[in-house]
Protein backbone atom coordinates (compact mmCIF):
# COMPACT_ATOMS: atom_id res chain seq x y z
CA UNK A 1 -6.05 167.78 349.71
CA UNK A 2 -5.30 169.86 346.70
CA UNK A 3 -2.27 169.57 344.43
CA UNK A 4 -0.49 172.46 346.17
CA UNK A 5 0.00 170.32 349.27
CA UNK A 6 1.62 167.50 347.27
CA UNK A 7 3.73 169.96 345.30
CA UNK A 8 4.98 171.38 348.59
CA UNK A 9 5.78 167.88 349.88
CA UNK A 10 7.78 167.14 346.71
CA UNK A 11 9.67 170.42 347.07
CA UNK A 12 10.44 169.76 350.75
CA UNK A 13 11.66 166.27 349.75
CA UNK A 14 13.98 167.84 347.18
CA UNK A 15 15.23 170.30 349.78
CA UNK A 16 15.94 167.55 352.31
CA UNK A 17 17.62 165.39 349.65
CA UNK A 18 20.03 168.09 348.44
CA UNK A 19 20.87 169.35 351.94
CA UNK A 20 23.52 166.62 352.22
CA UNK A 21 25.11 167.41 348.86
CA UNK A 22 25.22 171.17 349.19
CA UNK A 23 26.68 170.81 352.69
CA UNK A 24 29.20 168.31 351.41
CA UNK A 25 30.13 170.64 348.56
CA UNK A 26 30.79 173.45 351.01
CA UNK A 27 33.03 171.13 353.01
CA UNK A 28 34.90 170.03 349.89
CA UNK A 29 35.51 173.63 348.86
CA UNK A 30 36.38 175.07 352.29
CA UNK A 31 38.33 172.14 353.77
CA UNK A 32 40.04 170.99 350.59
CA UNK A 33 43.41 170.11 352.13
CA UNK A 34 41.96 167.92 354.87
CA UNK A 35 39.66 166.15 352.44
CA UNK A 36 42.50 165.72 349.95
CA UNK A 37 44.48 163.97 352.68
CA UNK A 38 41.59 161.59 353.24
CA UNK A 39 41.20 160.99 349.49
CA UNK A 40 44.90 160.24 349.23
CA UNK A 41 44.65 157.80 352.14
CA UNK A 42 41.91 155.99 350.20
CA UNK A 43 44.19 155.61 347.18
CA UNK A 44 43.02 158.50 345.00
CA UNK A 45 45.99 159.50 342.82
CA UNK A 46 44.48 160.51 339.47
CA UNK A 47 43.38 163.19 339.32
CA UNK A 48 45.55 164.53 342.13
CA UNK A 49 43.62 164.32 345.43
CA UNK A 50 43.27 168.08 345.91
CA UNK A 51 41.91 168.53 342.39
CA UNK A 52 39.59 165.52 342.83
CA UNK A 53 38.16 167.08 345.99
CA UNK A 54 37.61 170.41 344.26
CA UNK A 55 35.99 168.81 341.21
CA UNK A 56 33.71 166.65 343.33
CA UNK A 57 32.79 169.68 345.47
CA UNK A 58 31.78 171.66 342.42
CA UNK A 59 29.89 168.66 341.02
CA UNK A 60 27.98 168.12 344.29
CA UNK A 61 27.12 171.83 344.43
CA UNK A 62 25.99 171.97 340.80
CA UNK A 63 23.88 168.82 341.14
CA UNK A 64 22.35 169.97 344.43
CA UNK A 65 21.38 173.38 343.06
CA UNK A 66 20.09 171.79 339.84
CA UNK A 67 17.80 169.44 341.78
CA UNK A 68 16.72 172.01 344.34
CA UNK A 69 15.80 174.75 341.87
CA UNK A 70 14.81 172.46 339.03
CA UNK A 71 17.34 173.82 336.57
CA UNK A 72 17.72 170.90 334.18
CA UNK A 73 17.07 168.60 337.11
CA UNK A 74 17.30 165.58 334.82
CA UNK A 75 21.00 166.20 334.20
CA UNK A 76 21.68 167.20 337.82
CA UNK A 77 20.10 164.06 339.23
CA UNK A 78 21.66 161.72 336.66
CA UNK A 79 25.09 163.28 337.19
CA UNK A 80 24.66 162.95 340.94
CA UNK A 81 23.77 159.26 340.61
CA UNK A 82 26.92 158.60 338.57
CA UNK A 83 29.09 160.61 340.97
CA UNK A 84 27.70 158.73 343.97
CA UNK A 85 28.48 155.32 342.45
CA UNK A 86 32.03 156.46 341.62
CA UNK A 87 32.46 157.85 345.13
CA UNK A 88 31.14 154.66 346.71
CA UNK A 89 33.59 152.48 344.80
CA UNK A 90 36.64 154.76 345.07
CA UNK A 91 36.26 156.08 348.60
CA UNK A 92 34.44 153.32 350.47
CA UNK A 93 35.95 150.05 349.22
CA UNK A 94 34.99 148.05 352.32
CA UNK A 95 36.11 144.81 350.64
CA UNK A 96 39.72 146.02 350.92
CA UNK A 97 39.57 146.60 354.68
CA UNK A 98 41.05 144.08 357.08
CA UNK A 99 40.09 145.76 360.37
CA UNK A 100 36.49 144.72 361.22
CA UNK A 101 35.52 148.16 362.55
CA UNK A 102 36.94 149.98 359.52
CA UNK A 103 35.28 147.45 357.22
CA UNK A 104 31.90 148.06 358.88
CA UNK A 105 32.26 151.86 358.69
CA UNK A 106 33.21 151.73 355.01
CA UNK A 107 30.36 149.32 354.26
CA UNK A 108 27.86 151.73 355.84
CA UNK A 109 29.27 154.64 353.82
CA UNK A 110 29.28 152.53 350.63
CA UNK A 111 25.66 151.46 351.16
CA UNK A 112 24.62 155.07 351.89
CA UNK A 113 26.15 156.29 348.64
CA UNK A 114 24.58 153.47 346.63
CA UNK A 115 21.15 154.10 348.20
CA UNK A 116 21.43 157.83 347.48
CA UNK A 117 22.41 157.00 343.89
CA UNK A 118 19.20 154.99 343.64
CA UNK A 119 17.17 157.93 344.94
CA UNK A 120 18.91 160.22 342.43
CA UNK A 121 17.88 157.81 339.65
CA UNK A 122 14.28 158.05 340.80
CA UNK A 123 14.57 161.83 340.60
CA UNK A 124 16.13 161.56 337.16
CA UNK A 125 13.06 159.73 335.85
CA UNK A 126 10.67 162.26 337.40
CA UNK A 127 12.65 165.22 336.08
CA UNK A 128 13.13 163.57 332.69
CA UNK A 129 9.38 163.13 332.20
CA UNK A 130 8.75 166.65 333.57
CA UNK A 131 6.73 165.37 336.54
CA UNK A 132 8.40 167.57 339.17
CA UNK A 133 6.53 170.76 340.10
CA UNK A 134 8.06 174.11 340.90
CA UNK A 135 11.05 174.02 338.57
CA UNK A 136 12.82 176.85 336.77
CA UNK A 137 13.36 174.84 333.58
CA UNK A 138 12.04 171.62 332.18
CA UNK A 139 14.32 168.67 331.44
CA UNK A 140 17.35 169.32 329.23
CA UNK A 141 16.58 166.31 327.07
CA UNK A 142 13.11 165.69 325.69
CA UNK A 143 11.63 162.46 327.00
CA UNK A 144 9.53 161.82 323.93
């Protein structure tokens, strides 16, 4: 198989990876009030829940587009990893739950966010060393 096949596989992987974040961003920006209510129920008070939802929606969208199109994908993927860890801790604190079912649901969501943060870190390394094909720009920061 030639390199074009593997480049296509990498691009499809990027597309599948960012599908979640772009979709989530759309939800954050179109259903802000409902999501702000959920954020408030999880204890988000600063910044105000509605603003937090809007900021995270924009951040998910920016990171998703950055990774998908390869526009400074190093910064997009690193920012996404940081955002996912923050989201996991703030929104899915399973250790605070007393109801077994709620605890299990939050643990699954926490683990998902942490695993996705790990995948974003992998992408950060690949973007940082300019190993990702089909990008609009190279990395923002020089790896050497």
